[in-house]
Amino acid sequence: MPYLYGDPIKCTGCRICELYCALFHERALNPKKARLRVVRAEPAIDKPVACHQCADPPCAKVCPADAITRSIKLDLVTVDLTKCMGCGACVEACPFGAIWLHLESKKAIKCDLCKVCVPRCPTGALSVATSEKIADQKRLDLVNRWKPVMLECVQTPR
């Protein structure tokens, strides 16, 4: 299942993704209306957070109005705003902190994989990928980071 992945190594915390998301969905330059959020974990470590499009979404399980469903056809978790009561149960249930209530409507909003933010990220920190593809890339990145150390160890006589 594809989802919007934010690489904390590449993310600078500029929040351009939040602005484009809010502009696209809300016609407002207000990052609090975005469907993804950039979270600062440590000084100088930022992580874009968006819905992981779970196969068995906890947010849907707890929704008393059945407003959140997973479409197998679209491979996407969606929120039906006409059904959402704004109770916030989904916000509490999300293990990734990737769903929240809209500032004004108080209804659940989350990433809908529109991909508007991806090409606008100046550092290329955002991508749409599957968990397997992301894991493969992380393994490759790890090898590439250790490559100079490994080469030095091999080339240095004992």
N, C-alpha and C. Protein backbone atom coordinates (compact mmCIF):
# COMPACT_ATOMS: atom_id res chain seq x y z
N MET A 1 0.83 -1.18 0.00
CA MET A 1 0.00 0.00 0.00
C MET A 1 0.87 1.24 0.00
N PRO A 2 0.70 2.09 -0.96
CA PRO A 2 1.51 3.31 -0.99
C PRO A 2 1.02 4.34 0.03
N TYR A 3 1.96 5.11 0.52
CA TYR A 3 1.63 6.24 1.38
C TYR A 3 2.67 7.33 1.20
N LEU A 4 2.39 8.50 1.73
CA LEU A 4 3.30 9.64 1.62
C LEU A 4 4.38 9.49 2.69
N TYR A 5 5.61 9.33 2.24
CA TYR A 5 6.73 9.16 3.16
C TYR A 5 7.54 10.43 3.23
N GLY A 6 7.87 10.84 4.44
CA GLY A 6 8.72 12.00 4.65
C GLY A 6 10.04 11.57 5.25
N ASP A 7 11.12 11.79 4.54
CA ASP A 7 12.45 11.38 4.98
C ASP A 7 13.02 12.40 5.96
N PRO A 8 13.23 12.02 7.22
CA PRO A 8 13.74 12.97 8.21
C PRO A 8 15.19 13.39 7.95
N ILE A 9 15.92 12.60 7.17
CA ILE A 9 17.30 12.96 6.84
C ILE A 9 17.32 14.13 5.85
N LYS A 10 16.37 14.14 4.92
CA LYS A 10 16.32 15.18 3.89
C LYS A 10 15.49 16.40 4.29
N CYS A 11 14.54 16.22 5.20
CA CYS A 11 13.63 17.30 5.56
C CYS A 11 14.36 18.40 6.33
N THR A 12 14.15 19.65 5.92
CA THR A 12 14.78 20.79 6.60
C THR A 12 13.79 21.53 7.50
N GLY A 13 12.54 21.10 7.49
CA GLY A 13 11.54 21.76 8.33
C GLY A 13 11.01 23.06 7.74
N CYS A 14 11.15 23.24 6.44
CA CYS A 14 10.72 24.49 5.79
C CYS A 14 9.20 24.63 5.77
N ARG A 15 8.50 23.52 5.82
CA ARG A 15 7.03 23.46 5.85
C ARG A 15 6.35 23.93 4.56
N ILE A 16 7.10 23.95 3.48
CA ILE A 16 6.51 24.29 2.18
C ILE A 16 5.43 23.28 1.81
N CYS A 17 5.64 22.01 2.18
CA CYS A 17 4.66 20.96 1.90
C CYS A 17 3.32 21.29 2.57
N GLU A 18 3.36 21.76 3.81
CA GLU A 18 2.14 22.11 4.52
C GLU A 18 1.41 23.26 3.83
N LEU A 19 2.17 24.24 3.38
CA LEU A 19 1.56 25.40 2.71
C LEU A 19 0.89 25.00 1.40
N TYR A 20 1.58 24.18 0.59
CA TYR A 20 0.98 23.75 -0.68
C TYR A 20 -0.24 22.87 -0.45
N CYS A 21 -0.19 22.01 0.56
CA CYS A 21 -1.32 21.15 0.87
C CYS A 21 -2.54 21.99 1.26
N ALA A 22 -2.33 22.94 2.17
CA ALA A 22 -3.44 23.80 2.62
C ALA A 22 -3.96 24.66 1.47
N LEU A 23 -3.07 25.14 0.64
CA LEU A 23 -3.49 25.95 -0.51
C LEU A 23 -4.33 25.12 -1.48
N PHE A 24 -3.89 23.90 -1.75
CA PHE A 24 -4.60 23.03 -2.68
C PHE A 24 -5.98 22.63 -2.15
N HIS A 25 -6.03 22.21 -0.90
CA HIS A 25 -7.29 21.70 -0.33
C HIS A 25 -8.21 22.78 0.23
N GLU A 26 -7.63 23.87 0.75
CA GLU A 26 -8.41 24.87 1.46
C GLU A 26 -8.38 26.26 0.83
N ARG A 27 -7.54 26.43 -0.18
CA ARG A 27 -7.35 27.75 -0.78
C ARG A 27 -6.91 28.78 0.26
N ALA A 28 -6.07 28.31 1.21
CA ALA A 28 -5.57 29.17 2.28
C ALA A 28 -4.12 28.83 2.57
N LEU A 29 -3.33 29.85 2.85
CA LEU A 29 -1.94 29.62 3.24
C LEU A 29 -1.87 29.49 4.76
N ASN A 30 -2.45 28.41 5.25
CA ASN A 30 -2.50 28.15 6.68
C ASN A 30 -2.07 26.71 6.92
N PRO A 31 -0.84 26.50 7.41
CA PRO A 31 -0.34 25.14 7.58
C PRO A 31 -1.19 24.28 8.52
N LYS A 32 -1.94 24.89 9.40
CA LYS A 32 -2.80 24.12 10.32
C LYS A 32 -3.99 23.49 9.60
N LYS A 33 -4.19 23.86 8.34
CA LYS A 33 -5.27 23.27 7.54
C LYS A 33 -4.74 22.21 6.57
N ALA A 34 -3.46 21.91 6.68
CA ALA A 34 -2.83 20.92 5.80
C ALA A 34 -3.20 19.50 6.21
N ARG A 35 -3.12 18.58 5.25
CA ARG A 35 -3.41 17.17 5.50
C ARG A 35 -2.16 16.39 5.90
N LEU A 36 -1.03 17.06 5.99
CA LEU A 36 0.19 16.47 6.53
C LEU A 36 0.80 17.50 7.47
N ARG A 37 1.67 17.06 8.34
CA ARG A 37 2.31 17.97 9.29
C ARG A 37 3.79 17.66 9.36
N VAL A 38 4.57 18.71 9.56
CA VAL A 38 5.99 18.52 9.81
C VAL A 38 6.18 18.64 11.32
N VAL A 39 6.77 17.59 11.89
CA VAL A 39 6.96 17.53 13.34
C VAL A 39 8.44 17.66 13.64
N ARG A 40 8.77 18.54 14.59
CA ARG A 40 10.17 18.69 15.02
C ARG A 40 10.40 17.73 16.17
N ALA A 41 11.26 16.74 15.95
CA ALA A 41 11.54 15.73 16.97
C ALA A 41 12.67 16.18 17.90
N GLU A 42 13.67 16.76 17.35
CA GLU A 42 14.84 17.25 18.08
C GLU A 42 15.24 18.54 17.38
N PRO A 43 16.07 19.34 18.00
CA PRO A 43 16.58 20.48 17.25
C PRO A 43 17.24 19.98 15.96
N ALA A 44 16.81 20.52 14.87
CA ALA A 44 17.36 20.20 13.53
C ALA A 44 16.94 18.83 13.01
N ILE A 45 15.96 18.16 13.63
CA ILE A 45 15.43 16.92 13.07
C ILE A 45 13.93 17.10 12.87
N ASP A 46 13.53 17.15 11.61
CA ASP A 46 12.12 17.34 11.27
C ASP A 46 11.63 16.13 10.50
N LYS A 47 10.36 15.80 10.69
CA LYS A 47 9.79 14.61 10.03
C LYS A 47 8.39 14.95 9.53
N PRO A 48 8.20 14.94 8.20
CA PRO A 48 6.85 15.09 7.67
C PRO A 48 6.02 13.86 8.05
N VAL A 49 4.82 14.08 8.56
CA VAL A 49 3.94 13.00 8.99
C VAL A 49 2.65 13.06 8.19
N ALA A 50 2.28 11.92 7.61
CA ALA A 50 1.04 11.81 6.83
C ALA A 50 0.45 10.43 7.05
N CYS A 51 -0.79 10.26 6.66
CA CYS A 51 -1.50 9.00 6.81
C CYS A 51 -0.73 7.87 6.14
N HIS A 52 -0.61 6.74 6.84
CA HIS A 52 0.09 5.58 6.31
C HIS A 52 -0.82 4.67 5.49
N GLN A 53 -2.07 5.05 5.31
CA GLN A 53 -3.02 4.28 4.51
C GLN A 53 -3.04 2.82 4.97
N CYS A 54 -3.19 2.61 6.25
CA CYS A 54 -3.13 1.27 6.87
C CYS A 54 -4.07 0.27 6.19
N ALA A 55 -3.63 -0.97 6.12
CA ALA A 55 -4.45 -2.04 5.56
C ALA A 55 -5.70 -2.27 6.41
N ASP A 56 -5.54 -2.16 7.72
CA ASP A 56 -6.65 -2.34 8.65
C ASP A 56 -6.63 -1.12 9.58
N PRO A 57 -7.13 0.03 9.10
CA PRO A 57 -6.93 1.29 9.82
C PRO A 57 -7.62 1.37 11.19
N PRO A 58 -6.83 1.62 12.24
CA PRO A 58 -7.40 1.78 13.57
C PRO A 58 -8.40 2.94 13.64
N CYS A 59 -8.16 3.99 12.87
CA CYS A 59 -9.06 5.15 12.87
C CYS A 59 -10.46 4.75 12.40
N ALA A 60 -10.53 3.86 11.42
CA ALA A 60 -11.82 3.41 10.90
C ALA A 60 -12.54 2.52 11.91
N LYS A 61 -11.77 1.72 12.63
CA LYS A 61 -12.36 0.81 13.61
C LYS A 61 -13.09 1.55 14.73
N VAL A 62 -12.56 2.71 15.13
CA VAL A 62 -13.15 3.43 16.26
C VAL A 62 -14.18 4.48 15.85
N CYS A 63 -14.31 4.74 14.56
CA CYS A 63 -15.24 5.78 14.11
C CYS A 63 -16.69 5.34 14.33
N PRO A 64 -17.42 6.04 15.22
CA PRO A 64 -18.81 5.63 15.51
C PRO A 64 -19.77 5.92 14.37
N ALA A 65 -19.35 6.78 13.44
CA ALA A 65 -20.23 7.15 12.32
C ALA A 65 -19.88 6.41 11.03
N ASP A 66 -18.91 5.52 11.08
CA ASP A 66 -18.43 4.82 9.88
C ASP A 66 -18.05 5.80 8.77
N ALA A 67 -17.45 6.91 9.18
CA ALA A 67 -17.06 7.94 8.22
C ALA A 67 -15.70 7.64 7.58
N ILE A 68 -14.94 6.76 8.19
CA ILE A 68 -13.61 6.44 7.67
C ILE A 68 -13.63 5.01 7.13
N THR A 69 -13.25 4.88 5.87
CA THR A 69 -13.25 3.56 5.23
C THR A 69 -11.98 3.37 4.42
N ARG A 70 -11.68 2.12 4.16
CA ARG A 70 -10.54 1.80 3.31
C ARG A 70 -11.07 1.27 1.99
N SER A 71 -10.72 1.94 0.92
CA SER A 71 -11.13 1.53 -0.41
C SER A 71 -10.05 0.61 -0.99
N ILE A 72 -10.39 -0.63 -1.19
CA ILE A 72 -9.45 -1.58 -1.79
C ILE A 72 -9.16 -1.16 -3.23
N LYS A 73 -10.20 -0.71 -3.92
CA LYS A 73 -10.07 -0.30 -5.32
C LYS A 73 -9.09 0.87 -5.48
N LEU A 74 -9.22 1.88 -4.60
CA LEU A 74 -8.34 3.05 -4.67
C LEU A 74 -7.05 2.86 -3.88
N ASP A 75 -7.02 1.82 -3.02
CA ASP A 75 -5.88 1.58 -2.14
C ASP A 75 -5.63 2.80 -1.26
N LEU A 76 -6.73 3.28 -0.64
CA LEU A 76 -6.69 4.54 0.08
C LEU A 76 -7.69 4.54 1.23
N VAL A 77 -7.31 5.14 2.35
CA VAL A 77 -8.22 5.35 3.47
C VAL A 77 -8.83 6.74 3.29
N THR A 78 -10.16 6.81 3.31
CA THR A 78 -10.84 8.08 3.07
C THR A 78 -11.77 8.45 4.23
N VAL A 79 -12.03 9.75 4.34
CA VAL A 79 -12.96 10.27 5.33
C VAL A 79 -14.15 10.85 4.60
N ASP A 80 -15.35 10.38 4.93
CA ASP A 80 -16.58 10.93 4.37
C ASP A 80 -17.02 12.07 5.30
N LEU A 81 -16.78 13.30 4.87
CA LEU A 81 -17.06 14.46 5.71
C LEU A 81 -18.54 14.66 5.99
N THR A 82 -19.39 14.07 5.16
CA THR A 82 -20.83 14.18 5.41
C THR A 82 -21.25 13.29 6.59
N LYS A 83 -20.46 12.28 6.88
CA LYS A 83 -20.76 11.37 8.00
C LYS A 83 -20.00 11.73 9.27
N CYS A 84 -18.83 12.35 9.13
CA CYS A 84 -17.97 12.64 10.28
C CYS A 84 -18.68 13.55 11.28
N MET A 85 -18.65 13.15 12.56
CA MET A 85 -19.28 13.92 13.63
C MET A 85 -18.27 14.80 14.36
N GLY A 86 -16.99 14.64 14.06
CA GLY A 86 -15.96 15.44 14.72
C GLY A 86 -15.69 15.02 16.15
N CYS A 87 -15.92 13.76 16.48
CA CYS A 87 -15.73 13.29 17.86
C CYS A 87 -14.26 13.18 18.26
N GLY A 88 -13.37 12.99 17.27
CA GLY A 88 -11.93 12.90 17.54
C GLY A 88 -11.43 11.52 17.92
N ALA A 89 -12.29 10.53 17.91
CA ALA A 89 -11.86 9.16 18.25
C ALA A 89 -10.76 8.69 17.30
N CYS A 90 -10.86 9.06 16.05
CA CYS A 90 -9.87 8.66 15.04
C CYS A 90 -8.50 9.28 15.34
N VAL A 91 -8.51 10.52 15.82
CA VAL A 91 -7.27 11.22 16.16
C VAL A 91 -6.53 10.45 17.24
N GLU A 92 -7.26 10.03 18.25
CA GLU A 92 -6.66 9.27 19.35
C GLU A 92 -6.21 7.88 18.91
N ALA A 93 -6.91 7.28 17.96
CA ALA A 93 -6.61 5.90 17.55
C ALA A 93 -5.43 5.79 16.59
N CYS A 94 -5.11 6.84 15.85
CA CYS A 94 -4.05 6.75 14.84
C CYS A 94 -2.68 6.56 15.51
N PRO A 95 -2.00 5.46 15.21
CA PRO A 95 -0.69 5.21 15.83
C PRO A 95 0.41 6.13 15.30
N PHE A 96 0.14 6.84 14.21
CA PHE A 96 1.15 7.70 13.61
C PHE A 96 0.90 9.18 13.85
N GLY A 97 -0.21 9.51 14.49
CA GLY A 97 -0.55 10.91 14.72
C GLY A 97 -0.79 11.64 13.41
N ALA A 98 -1.40 10.94 12.46
CA ALA A 98 -1.52 11.47 11.10
C ALA A 98 -2.94 11.84 10.70
N ILE A 99 -3.81 12.03 11.67
CA ILE A 99 -5.18 12.48 11.40
C ILE A 99 -5.52 13.48 12.49
N TRP A 100 -6.21 14.55 12.11
CA TRP A 100 -6.57 15.59 13.08
C TRP A 100 -7.87 16.23 12.67
N LEU A 101 -8.40 17.07 13.54
CA LEU A 101 -9.66 17.74 13.24
C LEU A 101 -9.39 19.10 12.60
N HIS A 102 -10.15 19.40 11.58
CA HIS A 102 -10.06 20.67 10.86
C HIS A 102 -10.32 21.82 11.83
N LEU A 103 -9.59 22.90 11.66
CA LEU A 103 -9.72 24.06 12.55
C LEU A 103 -11.15 24.59 12.66
N GLU A 104 -11.83 24.70 11.53
CA GLU A 104 -13.15 25.31 11.53
C GLU A 104 -14.29 24.30 11.55
N SER A 105 -14.23 23.31 10.67
CA SER A 105 -15.34 22.36 10.58
C SER A 105 -15.32 21.34 11.71
N LYS A 106 -14.15 21.17 12.35
CA LYS A 106 -13.96 20.19 13.43
C LYS A 106 -14.19 18.75 12.95
N LYS A 107 -14.04 18.52 11.65
CA LYS A 107 -14.17 17.19 11.08
C LYS A 107 -12.79 16.64 10.76
N ALA A 108 -12.68 15.32 10.74
CA ALA A 108 -11.39 14.67 10.53
C ALA A 108 -10.81 14.97 9.15
N ILE A 109 -9.52 15.30 9.13
CA ILE A 109 -8.79 15.47 7.86
C ILE A 109 -7.50 14.67 7.94
N LYS A 110 -7.06 14.18 6.78
CA LYS A 110 -5.84 13.39 6.69
C LYS A 110 -5.35 13.42 5.24
N CYS A 111 -4.17 12.95 5.02
CA CYS A 111 -3.61 12.91 3.68
C CYS A 111 -4.47 12.04 2.76
N ASP A 112 -4.75 12.57 1.58
CA ASP A 112 -5.54 11.81 0.61
C ASP A 112 -4.69 11.40 -0.60
N LEU A 113 -3.38 11.47 -0.43
CA LEU A 113 -2.42 11.11 -1.48
C LEU A 113 -2.60 11.91 -2.77
N CYS A 114 -2.96 13.17 -2.64
CA CYS A 114 -3.11 14.01 -3.83
C CYS A 114 -1.75 14.28 -4.49
N LYS A 115 -0.68 14.17 -3.73
CA LYS A 115 0.71 14.30 -4.19
C LYS A 115 1.11 15.71 -4.59
N VAL A 116 0.31 16.71 -4.26
CA VAL A 116 0.63 18.09 -4.60
C VAL A 116 1.94 18.52 -3.96
N CYS A 117 2.20 18.05 -2.76
CA CYS A 117 3.38 18.46 -2.02
C CYS A 117 4.68 17.84 -2.53
N VAL A 118 4.60 16.64 -3.10
CA VAL A 118 5.80 15.88 -3.45
C VAL A 118 6.74 16.65 -4.39
N PRO A 119 6.29 17.14 -5.54
CA PRO A 119 7.23 17.83 -6.44
C PRO A 119 7.66 19.20 -5.93
N ARG A 120 6.97 19.72 -4.93
CA ARG A 120 7.29 21.05 -4.42
C ARG A 120 8.27 21.06 -3.27
N CYS A 121 8.61 19.89 -2.76
CA CYS A 121 9.57 19.79 -1.67
C CYS A 121 10.96 20.14 -2.21
N PRO A 122 11.58 21.21 -1.71
CA PRO A 122 12.87 21.64 -2.29
C PRO A 122 14.02 20.67 -2.04
N THR A 123 13.89 19.78 -1.06
CA THR A 123 14.98 18.84 -0.77
C THR A 123 14.68 17.42 -1.21
N GLY A 124 13.50 17.19 -1.77
CA GLY A 124 13.13 15.84 -2.20
C GLY A 124 12.86 14.90 -1.04
N ALA A 125 12.44 15.45 0.10
CA ALA A 125 12.18 14.63 1.29
C ALA A 125 10.89 13.84 1.19
N LEU A 126 9.99 14.23 0.30
CA LEU A 126 8.69 13.57 0.19
C LEU A 126 8.64 12.64 -1.01
N SER A 127 8.02 11.48 -0.79
CA SER A 127 7.80 10.55 -1.89
C SER A 127 6.58 9.70 -1.56
N VAL A 128 5.99 9.13 -2.59
CA VAL A 128 4.90 8.18 -2.39
C VAL A 128 5.48 6.82 -2.71
N ALA A 129 5.44 5.95 -1.71
CA ALA A 129 6.05 4.64 -1.87
C ALA A 129 5.39 3.63 -0.94
N THR A 130 5.69 2.38 -1.17
CA THR A 130 5.21 1.32 -0.28
C THR A 130 6.21 1.14 0.86
N SER A 131 5.78 0.49 1.91
CA SER A 131 6.67 0.22 3.05
C SER A 131 7.90 -0.57 2.61
N GLU A 132 7.69 -1.51 1.69
CA GLU A 132 8.80 -2.34 1.22
C GLU A 132 9.84 -1.49 0.47
N LYS A 133 9.35 -0.58 -0.38
CA LYS A 133 10.26 0.27 -1.14
C LYS A 133 11.04 1.20 -0.21
N ILE A 134 10.37 1.72 0.79
CA ILE A 134 11.03 2.60 1.75
C ILE A 134 12.08 1.83 2.54
N ALA A 135 11.76 0.61 2.96
CA ALA A 135 12.73 -0.22 3.69
C ALA A 135 13.94 -0.52 2.82
N ASP A 136 13.72 -0.84 1.53
CA ASP A 136 14.83 -1.09 0.61
C ASP A 136 15.73 0.14 0.50
N GLN A 137 15.12 1.31 0.38
CA GLN A 137 15.88 2.55 0.25
C GLN A 137 16.67 2.85 1.53
N LYS A 138 16.08 2.59 2.68
CA LYS A 138 16.79 2.81 3.95
C LYS A 138 18.00 1.90 4.06
N ARG A 139 17.85 0.64 3.63
CA ARG A 139 18.99 -0.29 3.65
C ARG A 139 20.10 0.20 2.73
N LEU A 140 19.72 0.65 1.55
CA LEU A 140 20.70 1.17 0.59
C LEU A 140 21.39 2.42 1.14
N ASP A 141 20.61 3.31 1.74
CA ASP A 141 21.19 4.52 2.34
C ASP A 141 22.19 4.17 3.44
N LEU A 142 21.84 3.18 4.25
CA LEU A 142 22.73 2.75 5.33
C LEU A 142 24.04 2.21 4.77
N VAL A 143 23.96 1.38 3.75
CA VAL A 143 25.17 0.84 3.12
C VAL A 143 26.01 1.97 2.54
N ASN A 144 25.36 2.92 1.88
CA ASN A 144 26.10 4.03 1.27
C ASN A 144 26.76 4.92 2.32
N ARG A 145 26.12 5.08 3.48
CA ARG A 145 26.74 5.88 4.55
C ARG A 145 27.95 5.18 5.15
N TRP A 146 27.89 3.85 5.23
CA TRP A 146 28.98 3.09 5.82
C TRP A 146 30.06 2.72 4.80
N LYS A 147 29.77 2.92 3.53
CA LYS A 147 30.70 2.51 2.47
C LYS A 147 32.10 3.11 2.66
N PRO A 148 32.25 4.41 2.91
CA PRO A 148 33.60 4.96 3.08
C PRO A 148 34.35 4.32 4.26
N VAL A 149 33.65 4.05 5.34
CA VAL A 149 34.27 3.43 6.51
C VAL A 149 34.71 2.01 6.18
N MET A 150 33.83 1.28 5.49
CA MET A 150 34.15 -0.11 5.13
C MET A 150 35.33 -0.16 4.16
N LEU A 151 35.36 0.76 3.19
CA LEU A 151 36.46 0.79 2.24
C LEU A 151 37.77 1.12 2.92
N GLU A 152 37.71 2.03 3.87
CA GLU A 152 38.91 2.41 4.60
C GLU A 152 39.44 1.22 5.41
N CYS A 153 38.55 0.48 6.01
CA CYS A 153 38.94 -0.70 6.80
C CYS A 153 39.61 -1.76 5.91
N VAL A 154 39.07 -1.94 4.71
CA VAL A 154 39.60 -2.94 3.79
C VAL A 154 40.95 -2.50 3.24
N GLN A 155 41.13 -1.20 3.00
CA GLN A 155 42.35 -0.70 2.39
C GLN A 155 43.48 -0.46 3.40
N THR A 156 43.15 -0.35 4.68
CA THR A 156 44.16 -0.07 5.69
C THR A 156 44.81 -1.39 6.12
N PRO A 157 46.14 -1.48 5.97
CA PRO A 157 46.82 -2.71 6.40
C PRO A 157 46.82 -2.80 7.93
N ARG A 158 46.82 -4.05 8.42
CA ARG A 158 46.81 -4.27 9.89
C ARG A 158 48.19 -4.39 10.42
